[in-house]
Amino acid sequence: MKNLNFAAELHLKLGAPASGTVESLRLLRAFLKLAPRQRFEVIKLVEDLATEDVLPEHPLS
């Protein structure tokens, strides 16, 4: 944030975010920088891992 007073006010009102929240935002930012094809592959990989399927037979790009 460029306005330190605004950031300080938010910190006083809301407290510090949990480390998990910060990490989630970092992952979201990285995900949004991916190309659409790569996003699809990441989503598919996570879905497969969540359902305990085996990894795809073909390598991801």
N, C-alpha and C. Protein backbone atom coordinates (compact mmCIF):
# COMPACT_ATOMS: atom_id res chain seq x y z
N MET A 1 0.84 -1.18 0.00
CA MET A 1 0.00 0.00 0.00
C MET A 1 0.89 1.24 0.00
N LYS A 2 0.49 2.21 -0.76
CA LYS A 2 1.30 3.41 -0.86
C LYS A 2 1.02 4.39 0.26
N ASN A 3 -0.20 4.39 0.80
CA ASN A 3 -0.56 5.32 1.86
C ASN A 3 -0.37 4.60 3.20
N LEU A 4 0.73 4.92 3.89
CA LEU A 4 1.04 4.24 5.14
C LEU A 4 0.03 4.55 6.24
N ASN A 5 -0.53 5.76 6.23
CA ASN A 5 -1.55 6.09 7.24
C ASN A 5 -2.77 5.20 7.07
N PHE A 6 -3.19 4.98 5.84
CA PHE A 6 -4.34 4.12 5.56
C PHE A 6 -4.04 2.69 6.02
N ALA A 7 -2.84 2.21 5.73
CA ALA A 7 -2.46 0.86 6.14
C ALA A 7 -2.43 0.76 7.67
N ALA A 8 -1.93 1.77 8.33
CA ALA A 8 -1.88 1.77 9.79
C ALA A 8 -3.29 1.78 10.37
N GLU A 9 -4.18 2.56 9.78
CA GLU A 9 -5.58 2.59 10.25
C GLU A 9 -6.24 1.22 10.09
N LEU A 10 -6.03 0.60 8.95
CA LEU A 10 -6.59 -0.74 8.74
C LEU A 10 -6.05 -1.73 9.76
N HIS A 11 -4.77 -1.64 10.02
CA HIS A 11 -4.16 -2.55 10.99
C HIS A 11 -4.77 -2.36 12.37
N LEU A 12 -4.98 -1.12 12.76
CA LEU A 12 -5.58 -0.85 14.07
C LEU A 12 -7.02 -1.35 14.15
N LYS A 13 -7.78 -1.16 13.07
CA LYS A 13 -9.19 -1.55 13.08
C LYS A 13 -9.38 -3.05 12.92
N LEU A 14 -8.61 -3.66 12.05
CA LEU A 14 -8.83 -5.06 11.69
C LEU A 14 -7.81 -6.03 12.28
N GLY A 15 -6.68 -5.53 12.70
CA GLY A 15 -5.62 -6.40 13.16
C GLY A 15 -4.84 -6.95 11.97
N ALA A 16 -3.85 -7.72 12.26
CA ALA A 16 -3.01 -8.30 11.20
C ALA A 16 -3.71 -9.53 10.62
N PRO A 17 -3.61 -9.72 9.31
CA PRO A 17 -4.22 -10.91 8.71
C PRO A 17 -3.45 -12.17 9.12
N ALA A 18 -4.14 -13.27 9.14
CA ALA A 18 -3.50 -14.54 9.45
C ALA A 18 -2.51 -14.89 8.34
N SER A 19 -1.48 -15.63 8.70
CA SER A 19 -0.47 -15.99 7.70
C SER A 19 -1.09 -16.82 6.57
N GLY A 20 -2.10 -17.62 6.89
CA GLY A 20 -2.79 -18.40 5.86
C GLY A 20 -3.51 -17.51 4.87
N THR A 21 -4.06 -16.41 5.36
CA THR A 21 -4.74 -15.47 4.48
C THR A 21 -3.75 -14.81 3.54
N VAL A 22 -2.62 -14.41 4.07
CA VAL A 22 -1.59 -13.78 3.25
C VAL A 22 -1.08 -14.76 2.20
N GLU A 23 -0.84 -15.98 2.58
CA GLU A 23 -0.36 -16.99 1.63
C GLU A 23 -1.41 -17.25 0.55
N SER A 24 -2.67 -17.30 0.92
CA SER A 24 -3.75 -17.50 -0.06
C SER A 24 -3.78 -16.38 -1.08
N LEU A 25 -3.60 -15.15 -0.62
CA LEU A 25 -3.59 -14.02 -1.54
C LEU A 25 -2.38 -14.08 -2.48
N ARG A 26 -1.24 -14.51 -1.98
CA ARG A 26 -0.06 -14.67 -2.83
C ARG A 26 -0.29 -15.73 -3.90
N LEU A 27 -0.90 -16.84 -3.50
CA LEU A 27 -1.20 -17.89 -4.46
C LEU A 27 -2.23 -17.42 -5.50
N LEU A 28 -3.23 -16.68 -5.05
CA LEU A 28 -4.23 -16.15 -5.98
C LEU A 28 -3.58 -15.22 -7.00
N ARG A 29 -2.72 -14.35 -6.52
CA ARG A 29 -2.03 -13.43 -7.43
C ARG A 29 -1.19 -14.20 -8.45
N ALA A 30 -0.47 -15.22 -8.00
CA ALA A 30 0.33 -16.03 -8.92
C ALA A 30 -0.56 -16.76 -9.92
N PHE A 31 -1.68 -17.29 -9.44
CA PHE A 31 -2.63 -18.00 -10.31
C PHE A 31 -3.16 -17.08 -11.39
N LEU A 32 -3.50 -15.85 -11.03
CA LEU A 32 -4.06 -14.91 -12.00
C LEU A 32 -3.05 -14.49 -13.06
N LYS A 33 -1.76 -14.63 -12.77
CA LYS A 33 -0.72 -14.29 -13.75
C LYS A 33 -0.52 -15.39 -14.78
N LEU A 34 -1.05 -16.59 -14.50
CA LEU A 34 -0.90 -17.70 -15.44
C LEU A 34 -1.76 -17.48 -16.68
N ALA A 35 -1.34 -18.11 -17.76
CA ALA A 35 -2.15 -18.12 -18.98
C ALA A 35 -3.39 -18.99 -18.74
N PRO A 36 -4.46 -18.74 -19.47
CA PRO A 36 -5.69 -19.53 -19.26
C PRO A 36 -5.47 -21.04 -19.33
N ARG A 37 -4.65 -21.51 -20.24
CA ARG A 37 -4.37 -22.95 -20.35
C ARG A 37 -3.70 -23.47 -19.08
N GLN A 38 -2.75 -22.71 -18.56
CA GLN A 38 -2.06 -23.11 -17.34
C GLN A 38 -3.00 -23.10 -16.15
N ARG A 39 -3.92 -22.14 -16.10
CA ARG A 39 -4.90 -22.10 -15.02
C ARG A 39 -5.75 -23.36 -15.04
N PHE A 40 -6.19 -23.75 -16.23
CA PHE A 40 -6.99 -24.96 -16.38
C PHE A 40 -6.22 -26.17 -15.85
N GLU A 41 -4.93 -26.25 -16.18
CA GLU A 41 -4.12 -27.38 -15.75
C GLU A 41 -3.95 -27.40 -14.23
N VAL A 42 -3.78 -26.24 -13.63
CA VAL A 42 -3.66 -26.16 -12.17
C VAL A 42 -4.95 -26.60 -11.51
N ILE A 43 -6.08 -26.12 -12.02
CA ILE A 43 -7.37 -26.50 -11.46
C ILE A 43 -7.57 -28.01 -11.58
N LYS A 44 -7.25 -28.57 -12.72
CA LYS A 44 -7.40 -30.01 -12.94
C LYS A 44 -6.50 -30.79 -11.98
N LEU A 45 -5.28 -30.35 -11.80
CA LEU A 45 -4.35 -31.03 -10.89
C LEU A 45 -4.88 -31.01 -9.46
N VAL A 46 -5.36 -29.86 -9.01
CA VAL A 46 -5.89 -29.74 -7.65
C VAL A 46 -7.14 -30.61 -7.48
N GLU A 47 -8.01 -30.62 -8.50
CA GLU A 47 -9.20 -31.47 -8.43
C GLU A 47 -8.80 -32.94 -8.33
N ASP A 48 -7.82 -33.34 -9.13
CA ASP A 48 -7.37 -34.73 -9.09
C ASP A 48 -6.77 -35.08 -7.73
N LEU A 49 -5.99 -34.17 -7.17
CA LEU A 49 -5.40 -34.43 -5.86
C LEU A 49 -6.47 -34.48 -4.78
N ALA A 50 -7.48 -33.64 -4.91
CA ALA A 50 -8.54 -33.59 -3.91
C ALA A 50 -9.40 -34.85 -3.93
N THR A 51 -9.53 -35.45 -5.09
CA THR A 51 -10.34 -36.67 -5.20
C THR A 51 -9.48 -37.92 -5.16
N GLU A 52 -8.21 -37.74 -4.84
CA GLU A 52 -7.24 -38.83 -4.71
C GLU A 52 -7.09 -39.64 -5.99
N ASP A 53 -7.32 -39.00 -7.13
CA ASP A 53 -7.05 -39.66 -8.40
C ASP A 53 -5.55 -39.68 -8.62
N VAL A 54 -5.13 -40.53 -9.51
CA VAL A 54 -3.71 -40.58 -9.84
C VAL A 54 -3.37 -39.37 -10.67
N LEU A 55 -2.09 -39.04 -10.71
CA LEU A 55 -1.65 -37.92 -11.51
C LEU A 55 -1.89 -38.21 -12.99
N PRO A 56 -2.08 -37.18 -13.81
CA PRO A 56 -2.33 -37.41 -15.23
C PRO A 56 -1.17 -38.15 -15.89
N GLU A 57 -1.52 -38.93 -16.89
CA GLU A 57 -0.49 -39.72 -17.59
C GLU A 57 0.39 -38.84 -18.45
N HIS A 58 -0.16 -37.76 -18.98
CA HIS A 58 0.63 -36.87 -19.84
C HIS A 58 1.15 -35.72 -18.99
N PRO A 59 2.36 -35.25 -19.29
CA PRO A 59 2.91 -34.14 -18.50
C PRO A 59 2.15 -32.85 -18.76
N LEU A 60 2.10 -32.01 -17.75
CA LEU A 60 1.49 -30.70 -17.90
C LEU A 60 2.46 -29.80 -18.63
N SER A 61 1.99 -28.78 -19.30
CA SER A 61 2.87 -27.90 -20.08
C SER A 61 3.74 -27.06 -19.20
